[in-house]
Amino acid sequence: MKIIASKEDENLSLKEILINRGFSSTLIRKYKHSGRILVNNEISIVNRIIKKGDIIELYLDDDNVSVKPERMELNICYEDDDILVVNKEAGVVVHPTAGHPENTLANGIAWYYAKKKIKASIRPVNRLDKDTSGLVIFAKNPFMQNYLQIVSPMKKLYVAIVQGNLEEKGTIDLPICRKPGSTIERMVSDDGDRAVTDFFVLKRSEKLSFVKLELKTGRTHQIRVHLSHIGHPIIGDTLYGSDTSYIKRQALHAYRITFRQPFIDKCISIYAPVPEDMKMVLKDAF
């Protein structure tokens, strides 16, 4: 990871520059003590005063690759030294679990890293349910994972096809918790954590609505629970009250992710087109 000091960085300390770019003091100490922060190709103290044009290099690779590599065809939408963005197909689990220890997206990423000689742990920044398609970000180092989750959270947009004629737009601000007696299902409850979902209807008919959604929080099954609770479950979502007469999985797709890449000082927006199974429903319904 490389930073070329700008005019705005002039006369700041190395530590101040790193904090301005989203590093925590804990992470700075970790890399300082391991000798993995260099300025102009020399190991540097964090109190060093930086000049315009100085080259700051951080070696943030980690060797803790704990996921078994498995060959998988990946639809890679974006990649740089710190981030990998993949368009996940429906039916693929993101990370190994007790029920799905293999054939997950993480196994495929581990294989890709090994093939490209990338020394990094598998760090998904966001997760999608097995039968939700769309964009998943993997951070190649702990800094970028923390940055995109905590310091500068990404903007996540989804599209869904729901039952019924949904009102044009609105915000669902209802807390969500785990449903008693279930390890999977969630429900709206005053005892839950706050969950906020904005929605805007793109198309509608008597039976179905095509909806754009933005997550303001990231609770498990948030979109599915919220839409079901207001009486418009996502079609194909049998867990939350819909059937599979239109489509064989929940018609939910993470189609756009927007985030800031602090090391190139650029806002990046990645798009994944609506998959064919959802297009077929839209063609028939509208």
C-alpha atoms as a PDB file:
ATOM      1  CA  MET A   1       0.000   0.000   0.000  1.00  0.00           C
ATOM      2  CA  LYS A   2       1.533   3.310  -1.080  1.00  0.00           C
ATOM      3  CA  ILE A   3       0.757   6.957  -0.293  1.00  0.00           C
ATOM      4  CA  ILE A   4       2.466   9.846  -2.061  1.00  0.00           C
ATOM      5  CA  ALA A   5       2.319  12.819   0.294  1.00  0.00           C
ATOM      6  CA  SER A   6       0.357  15.749  -1.091  1.00  0.00           C
ATOM      7  CA  LYS A   7       0.570  19.463  -0.383  1.00  0.00           C
ATOM      8  CA  GLU A   8      -2.089  18.986   2.324  1.00  0.00           C
ATOM      9  CA  ASP A   9       0.209  16.472   4.051  1.00  0.00           C
ATOM     10  CA  GLU A  10       3.132  18.921   4.237  1.00  0.00           C
ATOM     11  CA  ASN A  11       4.531  19.377   7.771  1.00  0.00           C
ATOM     12  CA  LEU A  12       2.188  16.804   9.300  1.00  0.00           C
ATOM     13  CA  SER A  13       3.601  13.835  11.187  1.00  0.00           C
ATOM     14  CA  LEU A  14       3.412  10.390   9.652  1.00  0.00           C
ATOM     15  CA  LYS A  15       0.952   9.391  12.396  1.00  0.00           C
ATOM     16  CA  GLU A  16      -1.307  12.377  11.648  1.00  0.00           C
ATOM     17  CA  ILE A  17      -1.362  11.511   7.952  1.00  0.00           C
ATOM     18  CA  LEU A  18      -2.304   7.906   8.660  1.00  0.00           C
ATOM     19  CA  ILE A  19      -5.051   8.938  11.105  1.00  0.00           C
ATOM     20  CA  ASN A  20      -6.416  11.369   8.501  1.00  0.00           C
ATOM     21  CA  ARG A  21      -6.711   8.415   6.122  1.00  0.00           C
ATOM     22  CA  GLY A  22      -8.639   6.274   8.564  1.00  0.00           C
ATOM     23  CA  PHE A  23      -6.004   4.320  10.498  1.00  0.00           C
ATOM     24  CA  SER A  24      -6.726   3.694  14.158  1.00  0.00           C
ATOM     25  CA  SER A  25      -4.026   4.356  16.763  1.00  0.00           C
ATOM     26  CA  THR A  26      -4.081   0.632  17.600  1.00  0.00           C
ATOM     27  CA  LEU A  27      -3.372  -0.358  14.012  1.00  0.00           C
ATOM     28  CA  ILE A  28      -0.617   2.258  13.684  1.00  0.00           C
ATOM     29  CA  ARG A  29       1.084   0.855  16.782  1.00  0.00           C
ATOM     30  CA  LYS A  30       0.810  -2.668  15.395  1.00  0.00           C
ATOM     31  CA  TYR A  31       2.541  -1.792  12.139  1.00  0.00           C
ATOM     32  CA  LYS A  32       5.049   0.549  13.794  1.00  0.00           C
ATOM     33  CA  HIS A  33       6.343  -2.188  16.062  1.00  0.00           C
ATOM     34  CA  SER A  34       6.608  -4.686  13.197  1.00  0.00           C
ATOM     35  CA  GLY A  35       8.711  -2.307  11.077  1.00  0.00           C
ATOM     36  CA  ARG A  36       6.206  -2.335   8.214  1.00  0.00           C
ATOM     37  CA  ILE A  37       5.853   1.446   7.728  1.00  0.00           C
ATOM     38  CA  LEU A  38       8.445   2.958   5.393  1.00  0.00           C
ATOM     39  CA  VAL A  39       9.068   6.524   4.210  1.00  0.00           C
ATOM     40  CA  ASN A  40      11.210   6.921   1.106  1.00  0.00           C
ATOM     41  CA  ASN A  41      12.198   3.261   1.389  1.00  0.00           C
ATOM     42  CA  GLU A  42      13.378   3.535   5.016  1.00  0.00           C
ATOM     43  CA  ILE A  43      11.704   2.196   8.165  1.00  0.00           C
ATOM     44  CA  SER A  44      10.260   5.271   9.834  1.00  0.00           C
ATOM     45  CA  ILE A  45       9.132   6.485  13.232  1.00  0.00           C
ATOM     46  CA  VAL A  46       5.524   7.689  13.287  1.00  0.00           C
ATOM     47  CA  ASN A  47       6.509  11.126  14.612  1.00  0.00           C
ATOM     48  CA  ARG A  48       8.506  11.892  11.468  1.00  0.00           C
ATOM     49  CA  ILE A  49       7.458  15.124   9.754  1.00  0.00           C
ATOM     50  CA  ILE A  50       6.430  14.495   6.169  1.00  0.00           C
ATOM     51  CA  LYS A  51       7.172  16.636   3.136  1.00  0.00           C
ATOM     52  CA  LYS A  52       5.246  16.864  -0.111  1.00  0.00           C
ATOM     53  CA  GLY A  53       6.302  14.063  -2.464  1.00  0.00           C
ATOM     54  CA  ASP A  54       7.494  11.714   0.286  1.00  0.00           C
ATOM     55  CA  ILE A  55       6.566   8.107  -0.487  1.00  0.00           C
ATOM     56  CA  ILE A  56       4.895   6.312   2.404  1.00  0.00           C
ATOM     57  CA  GLU A  57       4.662   2.530   2.072  1.00  0.00           C
ATOM     58  CA  LEU A  58       2.757   0.197   4.357  1.00  0.00           C
ATOM     59  CA  TYR A  59       3.170  -3.559   4.245  1.00  0.00           C
ATOM     60  CA  LEU A  60      -0.199  -4.759   5.456  1.00  0.00           C
ATOM     61  CA  ASP A  61      -0.160  -8.302   4.081  1.00  0.00           C
ATOM     62  CA  ASP A  62      -0.972 -11.074   6.520  1.00  0.00           C
ATOM     63  CA  ASP A  63      -0.255 -14.752   6.152  1.00  0.00           C
ATOM     64  CA  ASN A  64      -3.264 -16.029   8.111  1.00  0.00           C
ATOM     65  CA  VAL A  65      -5.024 -17.765   5.242  1.00  0.00           C
ATOM     66  CA  SER A  66      -7.327 -20.158   7.098  1.00  0.00           C
ATOM     67  CA  VAL A  67      -9.862 -20.941   4.359  1.00  0.00           C
ATOM     68  CA  LYS A  68      -9.309 -23.979   2.140  1.00  0.00           C
ATOM     69  CA  PRO A  69      -8.683 -22.903  -1.489  1.00  0.00           C
ATOM     70  CA  GLU A  70     -11.141 -24.366  -4.011  1.00  0.00           C
ATOM     71  CA  ARG A  71     -11.134 -23.636  -7.725  1.00  0.00           C
ATOM     72  CA  MET A  72     -14.102 -21.441  -8.659  1.00  0.00           C
ATOM     73  CA  GLU A  73     -15.010 -19.192 -11.564  1.00  0.00           C
ATOM     74  CA  LEU A  74     -15.264 -15.714 -10.053  1.00  0.00           C
ATOM     75  CA  ASN A  75     -17.060 -12.740 -11.573  1.00  0.00           C
ATOM     76  CA  ILE A  76     -14.592 -10.051 -10.453  1.00  0.00           C
ATOM     77  CA  CYS A  77     -15.981  -6.536 -10.863  1.00  0.00           C
ATOM     78  CA  TYR A  78     -13.122  -4.535  -9.310  1.00  0.00           C
ATOM     79  CA  GLU A  79      -9.700  -5.132  -7.789  1.00  0.00           C
ATOM     80  CA  ASP A  80      -6.805  -3.075  -6.456  1.00  0.00           C
ATOM     81  CA  ASP A  81      -4.057  -3.638  -3.869  1.00  0.00           C
ATOM     82  CA  ASP A  82      -6.526  -3.414  -0.983  1.00  0.00           C
ATOM     83  CA  ILE A  83      -9.933  -4.533  -2.241  1.00  0.00           C
ATOM     84  CA  LEU A  84     -11.568  -7.262  -4.317  1.00  0.00           C
ATOM     85  CA  VAL A  85     -15.230  -6.946  -5.392  1.00  0.00           C
ATOM     86  CA  VAL A  86     -17.061 -10.025  -6.699  1.00  0.00           C
ATOM     87  CA  ASN A  87     -20.552 -10.428  -8.168  1.00  0.00           C
ATOM     88  CA  LYS A  88     -21.916 -13.480  -6.314  1.00  0.00           C
ATOM     89  CA  GLU A  89     -24.426 -15.804  -7.935  1.00  0.00           C
ATOM     90  CA  ALA A  90     -27.534 -16.882  -6.045  1.00  0.00           C
ATOM     91  CA  GLY A  91     -27.074 -20.238  -4.312  1.00  0.00           C
ATOM     92  CA  VAL A  92     -23.494 -19.574  -3.189  1.00  0.00           C
ATOM     93  CA  VAL A  93     -22.656 -19.177   0.516  1.00  0.00           C
ATOM     94  CA  VAL A  94     -20.229 -16.311   1.236  1.00  0.00           C
ATOM     95  CA  HIS A  95     -18.171 -17.855   4.051  1.00  0.00           C
ATOM     96  CA  PRO A  96     -17.735 -21.420   5.383  1.00  0.00           C
ATOM     97  CA  THR A  97     -20.122 -22.440   8.163  1.00  0.00           C
ATOM     98  CA  ALA A  98     -20.807 -25.692   9.997  1.00  0.00           C
ATOM     99  CA  GLY A  99     -23.501 -26.473   7.434  1.00  0.00           C
ATOM    100  CA  HIS A 100     -21.477 -25.298   4.419  1.00  0.00           C
ATOM    101  CA  PRO A 101     -17.770 -25.921   5.134  1.00  0.00           C
ATOM    102  CA  GLU A 102     -16.803 -26.016   1.440  1.00  0.00           C
ATOM    103  CA  ASN A 103     -17.789 -24.656  -1.987  1.00  0.00           C
ATOM    104  CA  THR A 104     -18.268 -21.156  -0.606  1.00  0.00           C
ATOM    105  CA  LEU A 105     -17.277 -17.858  -2.171  1.00  0.00           C
ATOM    106  CA  ALA A 106     -14.517 -17.552   0.435  1.00  0.00           C
ATOM    107  CA  ASN A 107     -13.042 -20.882  -0.754  1.00  0.00           C
ATOM    108  CA  GLY A 108     -12.990 -19.493  -4.286  1.00  0.00           C
ATOM    109  CA  ILE A 109     -11.333 -16.267  -3.125  1.00  0.00           C
ATOM    110  CA  ALA A 110      -8.689 -18.288  -1.258  1.00  0.00           C
ATOM    111  CA  TRP A 111      -7.958 -20.185  -4.493  1.00  0.00           C
ATOM    112  CA  TYR A 112      -7.718 -16.903  -6.429  1.00  0.00           C
ATOM    113  CA  TYR A 113      -5.345 -15.406  -3.845  1.00  0.00           C
ATOM    114  CA  ALA A 114      -3.132 -18.490  -3.976  1.00  0.00           C
ATOM    115  CA  LYS A 115      -3.095 -18.374  -7.791  1.00  0.00           C
ATOM    116  CA  LYS A 116      -2.129 -14.671  -7.797  1.00  0.00           C
ATOM    117  CA  LYS A 117       0.300 -15.094  -4.857  1.00  0.00           C
ATOM    118  CA  ILE A 118      -1.691 -12.622  -2.762  1.00  0.00           C
ATOM    119  CA  LYS A 119      -0.893 -13.079   0.939  1.00  0.00           C
ATOM    120  CA  ALA A 120      -4.121 -12.099   2.646  1.00  0.00           C
ATOM    121  CA  SER A 121      -6.767 -13.539   4.906  1.00  0.00           C
ATOM    122  CA  ILE A 122     -10.333 -13.829   3.639  1.00  0.00           C
ATOM    123  CA  ARG A 123     -12.017 -10.687   4.968  1.00  0.00           C
ATOM    124  CA  PRO A 124     -15.554 -10.096   3.635  1.00  0.00           C
ATOM    125  CA  VAL A 125     -16.606  -6.511   4.310  1.00  0.00           C
ATOM    126  CA  ASN A 126     -20.279  -7.269   3.620  1.00  0.00           C
ATOM    127  CA  ARG A 127     -22.176 -10.534   3.423  1.00  0.00           C
ATOM    128  CA  LEU A 128     -25.149 -11.712   1.411  1.00  0.00           C
ATOM    129  CA  ASP A 129     -27.523 -14.552   2.161  1.00  0.00           C
ATOM    130  CA  LYS A 130     -26.988 -17.736   0.154  1.00  0.00           C
ATOM    131  CA  ASP A 131     -29.871 -17.051  -2.238  1.00  0.00           C
ATOM    132  CA  THR A 132     -29.263 -13.307  -2.569  1.00  0.00           C
ATOM    133  CA  SER A 133     -27.150 -12.377  -5.579  1.00  0.00           C
ATOM    134  CA  GLY A 134     -24.869  -9.409  -6.063  1.00  0.00           C
ATOM    135  CA  LEU A 135     -21.771  -7.552  -4.946  1.00  0.00           C
ATOM    136  CA  VAL A 136     -19.515  -8.670  -2.096  1.00  0.00           C
ATOM    137  CA  ILE A 137     -16.367  -6.761  -1.077  1.00  0.00           C
ATOM    138  CA  PHE A 138     -13.315  -8.558   0.299  1.00  0.00           C
ATOM    139  CA  ALA A 139     -10.638  -6.489   2.051  1.00  0.00           C
ATOM    140  CA  LYS A 140      -7.065  -7.643   1.551  1.00  0.00           C
ATOM    141  CA  ASN A 141      -5.867  -6.247   4.873  1.00  0.00           C
ATOM    142  CA  PRO A 142      -7.343  -5.474   8.316  1.00  0.00           C
ATOM    143  CA  PHE A 143      -7.092  -1.711   7.835  1.00  0.00           C
ATOM    144  CA  MET A 144      -9.321  -1.695   4.771  1.00  0.00           C
ATOM    145  CA  GLN A 145     -11.846  -4.009   6.402  1.00  0.00           C
ATOM    146  CA  ASN A 146     -12.123  -1.681   9.402  1.00  0.00           C
ATOM    147  CA  TYR A 147     -12.159   1.409   7.168  1.00  0.00           C
ATOM    148  CA  LEU A 148     -15.073   0.230   5.015  1.00  0.00           C
ATOM    149  CA  GLN A 149     -17.069  -1.168   7.934  1.00  0.00           C
ATOM    150  CA  ILE A 150     -16.478   1.479  10.609  1.00  0.00           C
ATOM    151  CA  VAL A 151     -14.542   4.574   9.499  1.00  0.00           C
ATOM    152  CA  SER A 152     -16.179   5.226   6.129  1.00  0.00           C
ATOM    153  CA  PRO A 153     -19.042   2.745   5.617  1.00  0.00           C
ATOM    154  CA  MET A 154     -19.927   1.966   2.023  1.00  0.00           C
ATOM    155  CA  LYS A 155     -23.282   2.754   0.446  1.00  0.00           C
ATOM    156  CA  LYS A 156     -25.207  -0.430  -0.452  1.00  0.00           C
ATOM    157  CA  LEU A 157     -28.096  -0.480  -2.919  1.00  0.00           C
ATOM    158  CA  TYR A 158     -30.343  -3.438  -3.673  1.00  0.00           C
ATOM    159  CA  VAL A 159     -33.246  -4.239  -5.965  1.00  0.00           C
ATOM    160  CA  ALA A 160     -36.038  -6.646  -5.083  1.00  0.00           C
ATOM    161  CA  ILE A 161     -39.312  -7.880  -6.537  1.00  0.00           C
ATOM    162  CA  VAL A 162     -42.004  -7.942  -3.881  1.00  0.00           C
ATOM    163  CA  GLN A 163     -45.596  -9.075  -3.629  1.00  0.00           C
ATOM    164  CA  GLY A 164     -48.316  -6.460  -3.955  1.00  0.00           C
ATOM    165  CA  ASN A 165     -48.603  -2.836  -5.025  1.00  0.00           C
ATOM    166  CA  LEU A 166     -46.147  -1.073  -2.704  1.00  0.00           C
ATOM    167  CA  GLU A 167     -46.426   2.662  -2.069  1.00  0.00           C
ATOM    168  CA  GLU A 168     -44.011   4.814  -4.096  1.00  0.00           C
ATOM    169  CA  LYS A 169     -41.306   5.416  -1.489  1.00  0.00           C
ATOM    170  CA  GLY A 170     -40.645   5.420   2.214  1.00  0.00           C
ATOM    171  CA  THR A 171     -38.401   4.480   5.118  1.00  0.00           C
ATOM    172  CA  ILE A 172     -38.844   1.409   7.305  1.00  0.00           C
ATOM    173  CA  ASP A 173     -37.370   2.126  10.734  1.00  0.00           C
ATOM    174  CA  LEU A 174     -38.159  -0.940  12.830  1.00  0.00           C
ATOM    175  CA  PRO A 175     -35.874  -2.879  15.234  1.00  0.00           C
ATOM    176  CA  ILE A 176     -34.951  -6.466  14.429  1.00  0.00           C
ATOM    177  CA  CYS A 177     -33.999  -9.397  16.676  1.00  0.00           C
ATOM    178  CA  ARG A 178     -33.618 -13.148  16.413  1.00  0.00           C
ATOM    179  CA  LYS A 179     -36.937 -14.997  16.468  1.00  0.00           C
ATOM    180  CA  PRO A 180     -37.259 -17.045  19.683  1.00  0.00           C
ATOM    181  CA  GLY A 181     -36.602 -20.725  19.079  1.00  0.00           C
ATOM    182  CA  SER A 182     -34.872 -20.177  15.717  1.00  0.00           C
ATOM    183  CA  THR A 183     -31.183 -19.921  14.879  1.00  0.00           C
ATOM    184  CA  ILE A 184     -31.913 -18.431  11.441  1.00  0.00           C
ATOM    185  CA  GLU A 185     -35.137 -16.438  11.342  1.00  0.00           C
ATOM    186  CA  ARG A 186     -35.374 -12.805  12.433  1.00  0.00           C
ATOM    187  CA  MET A 187     -38.367 -10.667  13.364  1.00  0.00           C
ATOM    188  CA  VAL A 188     -39.381  -7.080  14.102  1.00  0.00           C
ATOM    189  CA  SER A 189     -39.395  -6.536  17.872  1.00  0.00           C
ATOM    190  CA  ASP A 190     -39.034  -3.663  20.315  1.00  0.00           C
ATOM    191  CA  ASP A 191     -36.311  -5.754  21.952  1.00  0.00           C
ATOM    192  CA  GLY A 192     -34.205  -5.759  18.787  1.00  0.00           C
ATOM    193  CA  ASP A 193     -31.477  -3.531  17.365  1.00  0.00           C
ATOM    194  CA  ARG A 194     -32.441  -0.498  15.303  1.00  0.00           C
ATOM    195  CA  ALA A 195     -32.738  -1.250  11.584  1.00  0.00           C
ATOM    196  CA  VAL A 196     -33.418   1.321   8.855  1.00  0.00           C
ATOM    197  CA  THR A 197     -34.237   0.608   5.199  1.00  0.00           C
ATOM    198  CA  ASP A 198     -35.090   3.240   2.561  1.00  0.00           C
ATOM    199  CA  PHE A 199     -37.122   2.090  -0.469  1.00  0.00           C
ATOM    200  CA  PHE A 200     -38.262   3.529  -3.793  1.00  0.00           C
ATOM    201  CA  VAL A 201     -40.577   1.741  -6.226  1.00  0.00           C
ATOM    202  CA  LEU A 202     -39.201   1.584  -9.779  1.00  0.00           C
ATOM    203  CA  LYS A 203     -42.129  -0.297 -11.366  1.00  0.00           C
ATOM    204  CA  ARG A 204     -45.415  -1.671 -10.104  1.00  0.00           C
ATOM    205  CA  SER A 205     -48.361  -3.746 -11.191  1.00  0.00           C
ATOM    206  CA  GLU A 206     -51.417  -5.123  -9.406  1.00  0.00           C
ATOM    207  CA  LYS A 207     -49.492  -8.140  -8.113  1.00  0.00           C
ATOM    208  CA  LEU A 208     -45.831  -7.139  -7.980  1.00  0.00           C
ATOM    209  CA  SER A 209     -43.548  -4.166  -7.318  1.00  0.00           C
ATOM    210  CA  PHE A 210     -39.915  -3.723  -8.414  1.00  0.00           C
ATOM    211  CA  VAL A 211     -38.152  -1.850  -5.619  1.00  0.00           C
ATOM    212  CA  LYS A 212     -34.803  -0.136  -5.068  1.00  0.00           C
ATOM    213  CA  LEU A 213     -33.574  -0.298  -1.466  1.00  0.00           C
ATOM    214  CA  GLU A 214     -30.765   1.272   0.521  1.00  0.00           C
ATOM    215  CA  LEU A 215     -29.558  -0.171   3.794  1.00  0.00           C
ATOM    216  CA  LYS A 216     -28.831   2.428   6.465  1.00  0.00           C
ATOM    217  CA  THR A 217     -27.962  -0.330   8.942  1.00  0.00           C
ATOM    218  CA  GLY A 218     -26.787  -3.895   8.380  1.00  0.00           C
ATOM    219  CA  ARG A 219     -28.913  -6.325  10.374  1.00  0.00           C
ATOM    220  CA  THR A 220     -29.186  -9.981   9.389  1.00  0.00           C
ATOM    221  CA  HIS A 221     -32.032 -10.500   6.867  1.00  0.00           C
ATOM    222  CA  GLN A 222     -32.923  -6.816   7.284  1.00  0.00           C
ATOM    223  CA  ILE A 223     -34.518  -6.170   3.886  1.00  0.00           C
ATOM    224  CA  ARG A 224     -36.358  -9.504   3.917  1.00  0.00           C
ATOM    225  CA  VAL A 225     -37.746  -8.977   7.423  1.00  0.00           C
ATOM    226  CA  HIS A 226     -38.750  -5.354   6.862  1.00  0.00           C
ATOM    227  CA  LEU A 227     -40.572  -5.978   3.590  1.00  0.00           C
ATOM    228  CA  SER A 228     -42.365  -9.015   4.974  1.00  0.00           C
ATOM    229  CA  HIS A 229     -43.406  -7.107   8.089  1.00  0.00           C
ATOM    230  CA  ILE A 230     -45.118  -4.345   6.075  1.00  0.00           C
ATOM    231  CA  GLY A 231     -47.015  -6.947   4.033  1.00  0.00           C
ATOM    232  CA  HIS A 232     -44.840  -7.042   0.893  1.00  0.00           C
ATOM    233  CA  PRO A 233     -42.520 -10.070   1.183  1.00  0.00           C
ATOM    234  CA  ILE A 234     -39.899 -10.630  -1.480  1.00  0.00           C
ATOM    235  CA  ILE A 235     -41.123 -13.187  -3.995  1.00  0.00           C
ATOM    236  CA  GLY A 236     -39.448 -16.569  -3.655  1.00  0.00           C
ATOM    237  CA  ASP A 237     -38.621 -15.946   0.009  1.00  0.00           C
ATOM    238  CA  THR A 238     -40.270 -18.914   1.697  1.00  0.00           C
ATOM    239  CA  LEU A 239     -38.702 -18.120   5.076  1.00  0.00           C
ATOM    240  CA  TYR A 240     -40.601 -14.842   5.331  1.00  0.00           C
ATOM    241  CA  GLY A 241     -43.975 -15.684   3.873  1.00  0.00           C
ATOM    242  CA  SER A 242     -43.667 -15.789   0.077  1.00  0.00           C
ATOM    243  CA  ASP A 243     -43.892 -18.654  -2.425  1.00  0.00           C
ATOM    244  CA  THR A 244     -41.821 -19.825  -5.389  1.00  0.00           C
ATOM    245  CA  SER A 245     -44.398 -19.558  -8.167  1.00  0.00           C
ATOM    246  CA  TYR A 246     -42.466 -16.694  -9.806  1.00  0.00           C
ATOM    247  CA  ILE A 247     -38.851 -17.578  -8.968  1.00  0.00           C
ATOM    248  CA  LYS A 248     -37.048 -20.325  -7.051  1.00  0.00           C
ATOM    249  CA  ARG A 249     -35.133 -18.046  -4.650  1.00  0.00           C
ATOM    250  CA  GLN A 250     -35.688 -14.681  -2.981  1.00  0.00           C
ATOM    251  CA  ALA A 251     -35.666 -12.044  -5.733  1.00  0.00           C
ATOM    252  CA  LEU A 252     -33.085  -9.829  -4.031  1.00  0.00           C
ATOM    253  CA  HIS A 253     -29.924  -8.499  -5.679  1.00  0.00           C
ATOM    254  CA  ALA A 254     -27.144  -6.239  -4.359  1.00  0.00           C
ATOM    255  CA  TYR A 255     -26.635  -4.193  -7.514  1.00  0.00           C
ATOM    256  CA  ARG A 256     -24.442  -1.251  -6.482  1.00  0.00           C
ATOM    257  CA  ILE A 257     -21.754  -0.572  -3.890  1.00  0.00           C
ATOM    258  CA  THR A 258     -20.115   2.844  -3.530  1.00  0.00           C
ATOM    259  CA  PHE A 259     -17.113   3.475  -1.307  1.00  0.00           C
ATOM    260  CA  ARG A 260     -14.066   5.713  -0.903  1.00  0.00           C
ATOM    261  CA  GLN A 261     -10.622   4.252  -1.537  1.00  0.00           C
ATOM    262  CA  PRO A 262      -8.467   6.362   0.816  1.00  0.00           C
ATOM    263  CA  PHE A 263      -5.131   5.463  -0.740  1.00  0.00           C
ATOM    264  CA  ILE A 264      -6.013   6.790  -4.168  1.00  0.00           C
ATOM    265  CA  ASP A 265      -8.425   9.394  -2.743  1.00  0.00           C
ATOM    266  CA  LYS A 266     -11.182   8.296  -5.092  1.00  0.00           C
ATOM    267  CA  CYS A 267     -14.856   7.430  -4.776  1.00  0.00           C
ATOM    268  CA  ILE A 268     -15.513   4.100  -6.489  1.00  0.00           C
ATOM    269  CA  SER A 269     -18.960   2.855  -7.526  1.00  0.00           C
ATOM    270  CA  ILE A 270     -19.413  -0.743  -8.718  1.00  0.00           C
ATOM    271  CA  TYR A 271     -22.506  -1.992 -10.558  1.00  0.00           C
ATOM    272  CA  ALA A 272     -23.777  -5.547 -11.054  1.00  0.00           C
ATOM    273  CA  PRO A 273     -26.669  -5.949 -13.535  1.00  0.00           C
ATOM    274  CA  VAL A 274     -29.922  -7.611 -12.524  1.00  0.00           C
ATOM    275  CA  PRO A 275     -29.507 -11.404 -13.004  1.00  0.00           C
ATOM    276  CA  GLU A 276     -31.427 -13.345 -15.643  1.00  0.00           C
ATOM    277  CA  ASP A 277     -33.880 -15.081 -13.308  1.00  0.00           C
ATOM    278  CA  MET A 278     -35.100 -11.731 -11.980  1.00  0.00           C
ATOM    279  CA  LYS A 279     -35.162 -10.246 -15.496  1.00  0.00           C
ATOM    280  CA  MET A 280     -37.499 -13.032 -16.591  1.00  0.00           C
ATOM    281  CA  VAL A 281     -39.966 -12.178 -13.814  1.00  0.00           C
ATOM    282  CA  LEU A 282     -39.778  -8.468 -14.639  1.00  0.00           C
ATOM    283  CA  LYS A 283     -40.370  -9.157 -18.333  1.00  0.00           C
ATOM    284  CA  ASP A 284     -43.487 -11.191 -17.591  1.00  0.00           C
ATOM    285  CA  ALA A 285     -44.842  -8.884 -14.867  1.00  0.00           C
ATOM    286  CA  PHE A 286     -44.298  -5.486 -16.458  1.00  0.00           C
END
